[in-house]
């Protein structure tokens, strides 16, 4: 195997014309240069230098190595500089995959933090619900996946082995009951889910629909799902028009409001856990670590979950 040190020696011999001069140029001793040449000749299986009195000249094979040494060593130097830039957060790229409500809340703040602290680090993100985002992380299609799981379920819904990942909890997100402001229960502090057994329901993503069915089953009824949409702006519009009621997590309610919708606490209470996932090797990449730290900070800056019925929103959709 031809190594970088051997190439540097061959180039120095070509430039200086002797072992002694090459040793001086590289900062080695003359015996060290001789030993490196012998080792390289053993590896290539041919003579690389020809001794002429006190000087040496390269054989044809030696000239080939010396000719290729320049571009090869330049490429190695460039690679070392690029890796050093990544390690020093002067460069780097992080691919984040997040579900929509995290994309609207946790991700923007995290992106701003990374940009302010490490302006040369590039971060991109794509929206995807778990378990698709977890599968993408396993396939190497992203570096950080932001996922969620409702109480009583796992992140991958049994579809993925999670032992290969580093899982960092970001926050616990309470689920609310969204009803029209004119609804009969709109003035209550807490609503029992079973009290709405006869209402039409609006369901969201597959995982969210599954959660609704699970809660309703525990409350002793099967919900009449009249409308299905993953767009929570549309959910709010449907609720506001009295077309149904819906379950909406707090993280969504921090960005999506409607003046004619009230979000109430539920009995029994329901929460989902939001986490950031990566692999042990990626966790050691400085840019990925910086992005994860920013996500943790962003989650910590999110407003606390209210302990009572939500007040009139300050703005609306």
C-alpha atoms as a PDB file:
ATOM      1  CA  UNK A   1       0.000   0.000   0.000  1.00  0.00           C
ATOM      2  CA  UNK A   2       1.348   3.432  -0.949  1.00  0.00           C
ATOM      3  CA  UNK A   3       0.865   5.908   1.879  1.00  0.00           C
ATOM      4  CA  UNK A   4       0.988   9.711   1.976  1.00  0.00           C
ATOM      5  CA  UNK A   5       4.345   9.757   3.777  1.00  0.00           C
ATOM      6  CA  UNK A   6       5.922   7.657   1.032  1.00  0.00           C
ATOM      7  CA  UNK A   7       4.579   9.958  -1.671  1.00  0.00           C
ATOM      8  CA  UNK A   8       5.990  13.000   0.125  1.00  0.00           C
ATOM      9  CA  UNK A   9       9.413  11.315   0.263  1.00  0.00           C
ATOM     10  CA  UNK A  10       9.355  10.502  -3.463  1.00  0.00           C
ATOM     11  CA  UNK A  11       8.403  14.047  -4.356  1.00  0.00           C
ATOM     12  CA  UNK A  12      11.141  15.461  -2.088  1.00  0.00           C
ATOM     13  CA  UNK A  13      13.783  13.186  -3.641  1.00  0.00           C
ATOM     14  CA  UNK A  14      12.683  14.281  -7.112  1.00  0.00           C
ATOM     15  CA  UNK A  15      12.912  17.936  -6.099  1.00  0.00           C
ATOM     16  CA  UNK A  16      16.153  17.790  -4.040  1.00  0.00           C
ATOM     17  CA  UNK A  17      18.182  15.111  -5.833  1.00  0.00           C
ATOM     18  CA  UNK A  18      19.536  13.298  -2.733  1.00  0.00           C
ATOM     19  CA  UNK A  19      18.374  11.525   0.425  1.00  0.00           C
ATOM     20  CA  UNK A  20      20.202  14.077   2.590  1.00  0.00           C
ATOM     21  CA  UNK A  21      18.584  17.082   0.935  1.00  0.00           C
ATOM     22  CA  UNK A  22      15.165  15.405   0.939  1.00  0.00           C
ATOM     23  CA  UNK A  23      15.580  14.651   4.637  1.00  0.00           C
ATOM     24  CA  UNK A  24      16.382  18.305   5.329  1.00  0.00           C
ATOM     25  CA  UNK A  25      13.353  19.493   3.349  1.00  0.00           C
ATOM     26  CA  UNK A  26      10.980  17.172   5.194  1.00  0.00           C
ATOM     27  CA  UNK A  27      12.560  17.458   8.631  1.00  0.00           C
ATOM     28  CA  UNK A  28      13.574  13.783   8.775  1.00  0.00           C
ATOM     29  CA  UNK A  29      16.977  12.148   9.263  1.00  0.00           C
ATOM     30  CA  UNK A  30      18.762  10.670   6.264  1.00  0.00           C
ATOM     31  CA  UNK A  31      18.470   7.091   7.624  1.00  0.00           C
ATOM     32  CA  UNK A  32      14.731   7.609   8.063  1.00  0.00           C
ATOM     33  CA  UNK A  33      14.411   8.618   4.413  1.00  0.00           C
ATOM     34  CA  UNK A  34      16.376   5.550   3.326  1.00  0.00           C
ATOM     35  CA  UNK A  35      14.179   3.289   5.450  1.00  0.00           C
ATOM     36  CA  UNK A  36      10.973   4.804   4.044  1.00  0.00           C
ATOM     37  CA  UNK A  37      12.212   4.317   0.472  1.00  0.00           C
ATOM     38  CA  UNK A  38      13.095   0.653   1.174  1.00  0.00           C
ATOM     39  CA  UNK A  39       9.666   0.064   2.704  1.00  0.00           C
ATOM     40  CA  UNK A  40       7.950   1.654  -0.287  1.00  0.00           C
ATOM     41  CA  UNK A  41      10.020  -0.467  -2.689  1.00  0.00           C
ATOM     42  CA  UNK A  42       8.972  -3.596  -0.779  1.00  0.00           C
ATOM     43  CA  UNK A  43       5.333  -2.590  -1.051  1.00  0.00           C
ATOM     44  CA  UNK A  44       5.498  -1.780  -4.770  1.00  0.00           C
ATOM     45  CA  UNK A  45       7.762  -4.703  -5.632  1.00  0.00           C
ATOM     46  CA  UNK A  46      10.171  -2.660  -7.727  1.00  0.00           C
ATOM     47  CA  UNK A  47      13.162  -0.305  -7.429  1.00  0.00           C
ATOM     48  CA  UNK A  48      12.179   3.368  -7.074  1.00  0.00           C
ATOM     49  CA  UNK A  49      15.593   5.075  -6.858  1.00  0.00           C
ATOM     50  CA  UNK A  50      18.985   4.574  -8.484  1.00  0.00           C
ATOM     51  CA  UNK A  51      22.092   5.656  -6.566  1.00  0.00           C
ATOM     52  CA  UNK A  52      24.573   7.677  -8.597  1.00  0.00           C
ATOM     53  CA  UNK A  53      27.601   8.485  -6.403  1.00  0.00           C
ATOM     54  CA  UNK A  54      26.412  10.715  -3.559  1.00  0.00           C
ATOM     55  CA  UNK A  55      23.170  11.495  -5.331  1.00  0.00           C
ATOM     56  CA  UNK A  56      20.141   9.468  -6.358  1.00  0.00           C
ATOM     57  CA  UNK A  57      17.759   9.622  -9.255  1.00  0.00           C
ATOM     58  CA  UNK A  58      14.350   8.138  -9.635  1.00  0.00           C
ATOM     59  CA  UNK A  59      13.634   5.079 -11.709  1.00  0.00           C
ATOM     60  CA  UNK A  60      10.716   5.078 -14.094  1.00  0.00           C
ATOM     61  CA  UNK A  61       8.458   3.723 -11.329  1.00  0.00           C
ATOM     62  CA  UNK A  62       9.821   6.349  -8.941  1.00  0.00           C
ATOM     63  CA  UNK A  63       9.061   9.117 -11.429  1.00  0.00           C
ATOM     64  CA  UNK A  64       5.484   7.834 -11.749  1.00  0.00           C
ATOM     65  CA  UNK A  65       4.999   8.078  -7.981  1.00  0.00           C
ATOM     66  CA  UNK A  66       6.592  11.523  -7.844  1.00  0.00           C
ATOM     67  CA  UNK A  67       4.364  12.743 -10.686  1.00  0.00           C
ATOM     68  CA  UNK A  68       1.185  11.541  -8.971  1.00  0.00           C
ATOM     69  CA  UNK A  69       2.305  12.734  -5.545  1.00  0.00           C
ATOM     70  CA  UNK A  70       1.398  16.368  -6.213  1.00  0.00           C
ATOM     71  CA  UNK A  71      -2.338  16.035  -6.958  1.00  0.00           C
ATOM     72  CA  UNK A  72      -2.794  13.170  -4.457  1.00  0.00           C
ATOM     73  CA  UNK A  73      -1.175  15.106  -1.601  1.00  0.00           C
ATOM     74  CA  UNK A  74      -3.069  18.264  -2.565  1.00  0.00           C
ATOM     75  CA  UNK A  75      -6.335  16.311  -2.396  1.00  0.00           C
ATOM     76  CA  UNK A  76      -5.383  14.875   0.999  1.00  0.00           C
ATOM     77  CA  UNK A  77      -4.479  18.336   2.306  1.00  0.00           C
ATOM     78  CA  UNK A  78      -7.818  19.673   1.065  1.00  0.00           C
ATOM     79  CA  UNK A  79      -9.650  16.769   2.714  1.00  0.00           C
ATOM     80  CA  UNK A  80      -7.842  17.367   6.010  1.00  0.00           C
ATOM     81  CA  UNK A  81      -8.737  21.055   5.907  1.00  0.00           C
ATOM     82  CA  UNK A  82     -12.367  20.281   5.126  1.00  0.00           C
ATOM     83  CA  UNK A  83     -12.589  17.730   7.947  1.00  0.00           C
ATOM     84  CA  UNK A  84     -10.924  20.214  10.314  1.00  0.00           C
ATOM     85  CA  UNK A  85     -13.504  22.811   9.303  1.00  0.00           C
ATOM     86  CA  UNK A  86     -16.331  20.379  10.046  1.00  0.00           C
ATOM     87  CA  UNK A  87     -14.800  19.388  13.377  1.00  0.00           C
ATOM     88  CA  UNK A  88     -14.351  23.048  14.270  1.00  0.00           C
ATOM     89  CA  UNK A  89     -17.914  23.954  13.173  1.00  0.00           C
ATOM     90  CA  UNK A  90     -16.523  26.204  10.434  1.00  0.00           C
ATOM     91  CA  UNK A  91     -18.437  23.985   8.027  1.00  0.00           C
ATOM     92  CA  UNK A  92     -20.818  21.039   8.063  1.00  0.00           C
ATOM     93  CA  UNK A  93     -24.306  19.995   7.084  1.00  0.00           C
ATOM     94  CA  UNK A  94     -27.190  18.636   9.137  1.00  0.00           C
ATOM     95  CA  UNK A  95     -30.387  17.160   7.697  1.00  0.00           C
ATOM     96  CA  UNK A  96     -33.368  17.350  10.055  1.00  0.00           C
ATOM     97  CA  UNK A  97     -36.656  15.555   9.505  1.00  0.00           C
ATOM     98  CA  UNK A  98     -39.585  16.741  11.618  1.00  0.00           C
ATOM     99  CA  UNK A  99     -43.350  16.351  11.804  1.00  0.00           C
ATOM    100  CA  UNK A 100     -45.379  19.465  10.834  1.00  0.00           C
ATOM    101  CA  UNK A 101     -46.139  20.961  14.253  1.00  0.00           C
ATOM    102  CA  UNK A 102     -42.472  20.646  15.255  1.00  0.00           C
ATOM    103  CA  UNK A 103     -41.479  22.250  11.949  1.00  0.00           C
ATOM    104  CA  UNK A 104     -43.589  25.257  12.886  1.00  0.00           C
ATOM    105  CA  UNK A 105     -42.400  25.583  16.495  1.00  0.00           C
ATOM    106  CA  UNK A 106     -39.247  23.740  17.607  1.00  0.00           C
ATOM    107  CA  UNK A 107     -37.332  23.779  14.320  1.00  0.00           C
ATOM    108  CA  UNK A 108     -37.378  27.512  13.426  1.00  0.00           C
ATOM    109  CA  UNK A 109     -35.927  28.544  16.786  1.00  0.00           C
ATOM    110  CA  UNK A 110     -33.282  25.810  16.592  1.00  0.00           C
ATOM    111  CA  UNK A 111     -32.305  26.874  13.066  1.00  0.00           C
ATOM    112  CA  UNK A 112     -31.949  30.478  14.208  1.00  0.00           C
ATOM    113  CA  UNK A 113     -29.744  29.458  17.141  1.00  0.00           C
ATOM    114  CA  UNK A 114     -27.405  27.409  14.952  1.00  0.00           C
ATOM    115  CA  UNK A 115     -27.217  30.128  12.322  1.00  0.00           C
ATOM    116  CA  UNK A 116     -26.315  32.754  14.931  1.00  0.00           C
ATOM    117  CA  UNK A 117     -23.647  30.601  16.587  1.00  0.00           C
ATOM    118  CA  UNK A 118     -22.235  28.717  13.600  1.00  0.00           C
ATOM    119  CA  UNK A 119     -23.072  30.663  10.422  1.00  0.00           C
ATOM    120  CA  UNK A 120     -21.103  28.308   8.182  1.00  0.00           C
ATOM    121  CA  UNK A 121     -23.075  25.211   9.235  1.00  0.00           C
ATOM    122  CA  UNK A 122     -25.875  24.369   6.810  1.00  0.00           C
ATOM    123  CA  UNK A 123     -29.119  22.848   8.106  1.00  0.00           C
ATOM    124  CA  UNK A 124     -32.003  21.595   6.001  1.00  0.00           C
ATOM    125  CA  UNK A 125     -35.226  19.949   7.078  1.00  0.00           C
ATOM    126  CA  UNK A 126     -37.982  17.897   5.535  1.00  0.00           C
ATOM    127  CA  UNK A 127     -41.404  17.204   6.968  1.00  0.00           C
ATOM    128  CA  UNK A 128     -42.321  13.610   7.777  1.00  0.00           C
ATOM    129  CA  UNK A 129     -44.413  11.903  10.409  1.00  0.00           C
ATOM    130  CA  UNK A 130     -42.985   9.068  12.457  1.00  0.00           C
ATOM    131  CA  UNK A 131     -42.366   6.232  11.775  1.00  0.00           C
ATOM    132  CA  UNK A 132     -41.365   7.455   8.277  1.00  0.00           C
ATOM    133  CA  UNK A 133     -38.789   9.818   9.766  1.00  0.00           C
ATOM    134  CA  UNK A 134     -37.317   7.031  11.884  1.00  0.00           C
ATOM    135  CA  UNK A 135     -36.997   4.799   8.833  1.00  0.00           C
ATOM    136  CA  UNK A 136     -35.285   7.673   6.990  1.00  0.00           C
ATOM    137  CA  UNK A 137     -32.795   8.068   9.836  1.00  0.00           C
ATOM    138  CA  UNK A 138     -31.991   4.370   9.706  1.00  0.00           C
ATOM    139  CA  UNK A 139     -31.537   4.577   5.920  1.00  0.00           C
ATOM    140  CA  UNK A 140     -29.105   7.501   6.234  1.00  0.00           C
ATOM    141  CA  UNK A 141     -31.508   9.965   4.616  1.00  0.00           C
ATOM    142  CA  UNK A 142     -31.409  12.359   7.570  1.00  0.00           C
ATOM    143  CA  UNK A 143     -29.159  13.073  10.569  1.00  0.00           C
ATOM    144  CA  UNK A 144     -31.771  14.063  13.165  1.00  0.00           C
ATOM    145  CA  UNK A 145     -35.393  12.919  13.307  1.00  0.00           C
ATOM    146  CA  UNK A 146     -37.909  14.702  15.518  1.00  0.00           C
ATOM    147  CA  UNK A 147     -40.605  12.210  16.448  1.00  0.00           C
ATOM    148  CA  UNK A 148     -43.474  11.859  18.898  1.00  0.00           C
ATOM    149  CA  UNK A 149     -45.352   9.114  20.667  1.00  0.00           C
ATOM    150  CA  UNK A 150     -48.577   9.220  22.627  1.00  0.00           C
ATOM    151  CA  UNK A 151     -48.759   7.756  26.092  1.00  0.00           C
ATOM    152  CA  UNK A 152     -49.026   3.993  25.936  1.00  0.00           C
ATOM    153  CA  UNK A 153     -47.354   3.715  22.506  1.00  0.00           C
ATOM    154  CA  UNK A 154     -43.738   3.600  21.355  1.00  0.00           C
ATOM    155  CA  UNK A 155     -42.034   5.908  18.890  1.00  0.00           C
ATOM    156  CA  UNK A 156     -41.914   3.379  16.098  1.00  0.00           C
ATOM    157  CA  UNK A 157     -45.246   1.658  16.822  1.00  0.00           C
ATOM    158  CA  UNK A 158     -43.382  -1.626  16.929  1.00  0.00           C
ATOM    159  CA  UNK A 159     -42.206  -1.203  13.323  1.00  0.00           C
ATOM    160  CA  UNK A 160     -38.544  -0.385  14.085  1.00  0.00           C
ATOM    161  CA  UNK A 161     -35.903  -1.559  16.533  1.00  0.00           C
ATOM    162  CA  UNK A 162     -34.937   1.589  18.457  1.00  0.00           C
ATOM    163  CA  UNK A 163     -31.830   0.199  20.181  1.00  0.00           C
ATOM    164  CA  UNK A 164     -29.617   1.553  17.398  1.00  0.00           C
ATOM    165  CA  UNK A 165     -30.599   5.175  18.111  1.00  0.00           C
ATOM    166  CA  UNK A 166     -29.768   7.878  20.638  1.00  0.00           C
ATOM    167  CA  UNK A 167     -33.130   9.257  21.830  1.00  0.00           C
ATOM    168  CA  UNK A 168     -33.249  12.670  23.529  1.00  0.00           C
ATOM    169  CA  UNK A 169     -36.549  13.791  25.130  1.00  0.00           C
ATOM    170  CA  UNK A 170     -37.445  17.359  24.171  1.00  0.00           C
ATOM    171  CA  UNK A 171     -40.795  18.030  25.837  1.00  0.00           C
ATOM    172  CA  UNK A 172     -44.111  16.572  26.984  1.00  0.00           C
ATOM    173  CA  UNK A 173     -47.028  17.908  24.980  1.00  0.00           C
ATOM    174  CA  UNK A 174     -50.549  17.872  26.436  1.00  0.00           C
ATOM    175  CA  UNK A 175     -53.438  17.023  24.125  1.00  0.00           C
ATOM    176  CA  UNK A 176     -56.510  19.281  24.238  1.00  0.00           C
ATOM    177  CA  UNK A 177     -60.103  18.921  23.139  1.00  0.00           C
ATOM    178  CA  UNK A 178     -61.057  21.530  20.512  1.00  0.00           C
ATOM    179  CA  UNK A 179     -64.757  22.480  20.377  1.00  0.00           C
ATOM    180  CA  UNK A 180     -66.731  25.379  18.855  1.00  0.00           C
ATOM    181  CA  UNK A 181     -66.972  28.391  21.168  1.00  0.00           C
ATOM    182  CA  UNK A 182     -70.763  27.972  21.133  1.00  0.00           C
ATOM    183  CA  UNK A 183     -70.584  24.293  22.145  1.00  0.00           C
ATOM    184  CA  UNK A 184     -72.448  23.184  25.279  1.00  0.00           C
ATOM    185  CA  UNK A 185     -69.174  22.218  27.033  1.00  0.00           C
ATOM    186  CA  UNK A 186     -67.176  25.275  25.957  1.00  0.00           C
ATOM    187  CA  UNK A 187     -67.412  26.915  29.398  1.00  0.00           C
ATOM    188  CA  UNK A 188     -66.220  23.847  31.339  1.00  0.00           C
ATOM    189  CA  UNK A 189     -62.733  23.672  32.843  1.00  0.00           C
ATOM    190  CA  UNK A 190     -62.383  19.958  32.048  1.00  0.00           C
ATOM    191  CA  UNK A 191     -64.380  17.693  29.775  1.00  0.00           C
ATOM    192  CA  UNK A 192     -64.756  13.928  30.052  1.00  0.00           C
ATOM    193  CA  UNK A 193     -64.190  12.364  26.673  1.00  0.00           C
ATOM    194  CA  UNK A 194     -67.224  10.109  27.106  1.00  0.00           C
ATOM    195  CA  UNK A 195     -69.441  13.226  27.273  1.00  0.00           C
ATOM    196  CA  UNK A 196     -68.742  13.725  23.559  1.00  0.00           C
ATOM    197  CA  UNK A 197     -69.483  10.165  22.443  1.00  0.00           C
ATOM    198  CA  UNK A 198     -72.310  11.330  20.145  1.00  0.00           C
ATOM    199  CA  UNK A 199     -70.339  14.131  18.475  1.00  0.00           C
ATOM    200  CA  UNK A 200     -68.861  13.942  14.969  1.00  0.00           C
ATOM    201  CA  UNK A 201     -65.059  13.911  15.143  1.00  0.00           C
ATOM    202  CA  UNK A 202     -62.290  15.347  12.998  1.00  0.00           C
ATOM    203  CA  UNK A 203     -59.155  13.170  12.862  1.00  0.00           C
ATOM    204  CA  UNK A 204     -55.598  13.978  11.819  1.00  0.00           C
ATOM    205  CA  UNK A 205     -52.560  11.906  10.838  1.00  0.00           C
ATOM    206  CA  UNK A 206     -52.720   8.077  11.056  1.00  0.00           C
ATOM    207  CA  UNK A 207     -50.941   8.065  14.420  1.00  0.00           C
ATOM    208  CA  UNK A 208     -53.310  10.764  15.711  1.00  0.00           C
ATOM    209  CA  UNK A 209     -56.370   8.854  14.466  1.00  0.00           C
ATOM    210  CA  UNK A 210     -55.078   5.771  16.206  1.00  0.00           C
ATOM    211  CA  UNK A 211     -54.685   7.746  19.414  1.00  0.00           C
ATOM    212  CA  UNK A 212     -58.273   9.038  19.183  1.00  0.00           C
ATOM    213  CA  UNK A 213     -59.579   5.499  18.689  1.00  0.00           C
ATOM    214  CA  UNK A 214     -57.537   4.274  21.649  1.00  0.00           C
ATOM    215  CA  UNK A 215     -58.832   7.010  23.967  1.00  0.00           C
ATOM    216  CA  UNK A 216     -62.404   6.559  22.837  1.00  0.00           C
ATOM    217  CA  UNK A 217     -62.221   2.809  23.306  1.00  0.00           C
ATOM    218  CA  UNK A 218     -60.993   3.334  26.876  1.00  0.00           C
ATOM    219  CA  UNK A 219     -63.932   5.721  27.427  1.00  0.00           C
ATOM    220  CA  UNK A 220     -66.389   3.114  26.164  1.00  0.00           C
ATOM    221  CA  UNK A 221     -67.387   4.359  22.716  1.00  0.00           C
ATOM    222  CA  UNK A 222     -66.316   4.367  19.074  1.00  0.00           C
ATOM    223  CA  UNK A 223     -65.997   7.876  17.594  1.00  0.00           C
ATOM    224  CA  UNK A 224     -67.850   8.866  14.456  1.00  0.00           C
ATOM    225  CA  UNK A 225     -64.970  10.255  12.362  1.00  0.00           C
ATOM    226  CA  UNK A 226     -66.735  12.563   9.941  1.00  0.00           C
ATOM    227  CA  UNK A 227     -63.664  14.312   8.485  1.00  0.00           C
ATOM    228  CA  UNK A 228     -59.980  13.466   8.152  1.00  0.00           C
ATOM    229  CA  UNK A 229     -57.226  15.980   7.488  1.00  0.00           C
ATOM    230  CA  UNK A 230     -53.601  16.395   8.577  1.00  0.00           C
ATOM    231  CA  UNK A 231     -53.855  20.183   8.128  1.00  0.00           C
ATOM    232  CA  UNK A 232     -54.598  21.629  11.553  1.00  0.00           C
ATOM    233  CA  UNK A 233     -55.619  24.979  10.061  1.00  0.00           C
ATOM    234  CA  UNK A 234     -58.359  23.039   8.271  1.00  0.00           C
ATOM    235  CA  UNK A 235     -59.182  21.204  11.518  1.00  0.00           C
ATOM    236  CA  UNK A 236     -59.685  24.540  13.274  1.00  0.00           C
ATOM    237  CA  UNK A 237     -61.919  25.758  10.450  1.00  0.00           C
ATOM    238  CA  UNK A 238     -64.085  22.639  10.600  1.00  0.00           C
ATOM    239  CA  UNK A 239     -64.398  22.864  14.377  1.00  0.00           C
ATOM    240  CA  UNK A 240     -65.235  26.585  14.206  1.00  0.00           C
ATOM    241  CA  UNK A 241     -68.112  25.854  11.819  1.00  0.00           C
ATOM    242  CA  UNK A 242     -69.571  23.296  14.234  1.00  0.00           C
ATOM    243  CA  UNK A 243     -68.827  20.336  11.972  1.00  0.00           C
ATOM    244  CA  UNK A 244     -67.108  18.301  14.674  1.00  0.00           C
ATOM    245  CA  UNK A 245     -64.726  18.235  17.616  1.00  0.00           C
ATOM    246  CA  UNK A 246     -61.053  17.271  17.573  1.00  0.00           C
ATOM    247  CA  UNK A 247     -57.999  16.410  19.642  1.00  0.00           C
ATOM    248  CA  UNK A 248     -55.210  18.961  19.189  1.00  0.00           C
ATOM    249  CA  UNK A 249     -51.822  18.940  20.969  1.00  0.00           C
ATOM    250  CA  UNK A 250     -50.569  22.085  22.699  1.00  0.00           C
ATOM    251  CA  UNK A 251     -47.605  22.430  20.338  1.00  0.00           C
ATOM    252  CA  UNK A 252     -50.040  23.043  17.494  1.00  0.00           C
ATOM    253  CA  UNK A 253     -52.170  25.427  19.532  1.00  0.00           C
ATOM    254  CA  UNK A 254     -49.117  27.659  20.059  1.00  0.00           C
ATOM    255  CA  UNK A 255     -49.119  28.533  16.375  1.00  0.00           C
ATOM    256  CA  UNK A 256     -52.643  27.795  15.114  1.00  0.00           C
ATOM    257  CA  UNK A 257     -55.578  29.640  16.689  1.00  0.00           C
ATOM    258  CA  UNK A 258     -59.161  30.463  15.762  1.00  0.00           C
ATOM    259  CA  UNK A 259     -61.395  32.959  17.604  1.00  0.00           C
ATOM    260  CA  UNK A 260     -64.374  30.596  17.388  1.00  0.00           C
ATOM    261  CA  UNK A 261     -62.573  27.542  18.788  1.00  0.00           C
ATOM    262  CA  UNK A 262     -61.967  26.724  22.458  1.00  0.00           C
ATOM    263  CA  UNK A 263     -59.312  24.226  23.566  1.00  0.00           C
ATOM    264  CA  UNK A 264     -60.188  22.431  26.805  1.00  0.00           C
ATOM    265  CA  UNK A 265     -58.422  20.055  29.147  1.00  0.00           C
ATOM    266  CA  UNK A 266     -59.521  16.445  28.851  1.00  0.00           C
ATOM    267  CA  UNK A 267     -60.353  13.803  31.411  1.00  0.00           C
ATOM    268  CA  UNK A 268     -58.555  11.471  31.411  1.00  0.00           C
ATOM    269  CA  UNK A 269     -55.590  13.653  30.462  1.00  0.00           C
ATOM    270  CA  UNK A 270     -53.510  12.695  27.454  1.00  0.00           C
ATOM    271  CA  UNK A 271     -49.971  13.646  26.482  1.00  0.00           C
ATOM    272  CA  UNK A 272     -47.425  12.893  23.818  1.00  0.00           C
ATOM    273  CA  UNK A 273     -43.662  12.873  24.224  1.00  0.00           C
ATOM    274  CA  UNK A 274     -41.580  14.683  21.621  1.00  0.00           C
ATOM    275  CA  UNK A 275     -38.026  13.436  21.097  1.00  0.00           C
ATOM    276  CA  UNK A 276     -35.006  14.008  18.885  1.00  0.00           C
ATOM    277  CA  UNK A 277     -33.398  10.883  17.468  1.00  0.00           C
ATOM    278  CA  UNK A 278     -30.006  10.257  15.887  1.00  0.00           C
ATOM    279  CA  UNK A 279     -27.380   7.507  15.832  1.00  0.00           C
ATOM    280  CA  UNK A 280     -24.420   7.195  18.234  1.00  0.00           C
ATOM    281  CA  UNK A 281     -21.933   7.947  15.442  1.00  0.00           C
ATOM    282  CA  UNK A 282     -23.843  10.972  14.154  1.00  0.00           C
ATOM    283  CA  UNK A 283     -24.198  12.270  17.722  1.00  0.00           C
ATOM    284  CA  UNK A 284     -20.403  12.694  17.767  1.00  0.00           C
ATOM    285  CA  UNK A 285     -20.442  14.874  14.629  1.00  0.00           C
ATOM    286  CA  UNK A 286     -20.028  18.471  15.886  1.00  0.00           C
ATOM    287  CA  UNK A 287     -22.658  19.996  13.587  1.00  0.00           C
ATOM    288  CA  UNK A 288     -25.236  17.352  14.556  1.00  0.00           C
ATOM    289  CA  UNK A 289     -24.429  17.881  18.236  1.00  0.00           C
ATOM    290  CA  UNK A 290     -24.850  21.637  17.815  1.00  0.00           C
ATOM    291  CA  UNK A 291     -28.231  21.160  16.115  1.00  0.00           C
ATOM    292  CA  UNK A 292     -29.379  18.775  18.860  1.00  0.00           C
ATOM    293  CA  UNK A 293     -28.323  21.264  21.554  1.00  0.00           C
ATOM    294  CA  UNK A 294     -30.279  23.967  19.725  1.00  0.00           C
ATOM    295  CA  UNK A 295     -33.383  21.752  19.582  1.00  0.00           C
ATOM    296  CA  UNK A 296     -33.127  21.109  23.326  1.00  0.00           C
ATOM    297  CA  UNK A 297     -32.830  24.847  23.959  1.00  0.00           C
ATOM    298  CA  UNK A 298     -35.743  25.568  21.632  1.00  0.00           C
ATOM    299  CA  UNK A 299     -37.911  23.016  23.439  1.00  0.00           C
ATOM    300  CA  UNK A 300     -36.997  24.561  26.786  1.00  0.00           C
ATOM    301  CA  UNK A 301     -38.104  27.992  25.594  1.00  0.00           C
ATOM    302  CA  UNK A 302     -41.576  26.816  24.560  1.00  0.00           C
ATOM    303  CA  UNK A 303     -44.442  28.249  26.659  1.00  0.00           C
ATOM    304  CA  UNK A 304     -45.528  26.108  29.580  1.00  0.00           C
ATOM    305  CA  UNK A 305     -48.718  24.088  29.244  1.00  0.00           C
ATOM    306  CA  UNK A 306     -51.613  26.042  30.806  1.00  0.00           C
ATOM    307  CA  UNK A 307     -53.160  24.442  33.877  1.00  0.00           C
ATOM    308  CA  UNK A 308     -56.661  25.735  33.145  1.00  0.00           C
ATOM    309  CA  UNK A 309     -58.983  26.239  30.193  1.00  0.00           C
ATOM    310  CA  UNK A 310     -57.245  28.246  27.459  1.00  0.00           C
ATOM    311  CA  UNK A 311     -58.002  31.937  27.381  1.00  0.00           C
ATOM    312  CA  UNK A 312     -59.092  33.990  24.376  1.00  0.00           C
ATOM    313  CA  UNK A 313     -56.281  33.798  21.792  1.00  0.00           C
ATOM    314  CA  UNK A 314     -54.218  36.912  21.147  1.00  0.00           C
ATOM    315  CA  UNK A 315     -54.395  36.337  17.368  1.00  0.00           C
ATOM    316  CA  UNK A 316     -56.296  34.147  14.994  1.00  0.00           C
ATOM    317  CA  UNK A 317     -55.968  32.369  11.690  1.00  0.00           C
END
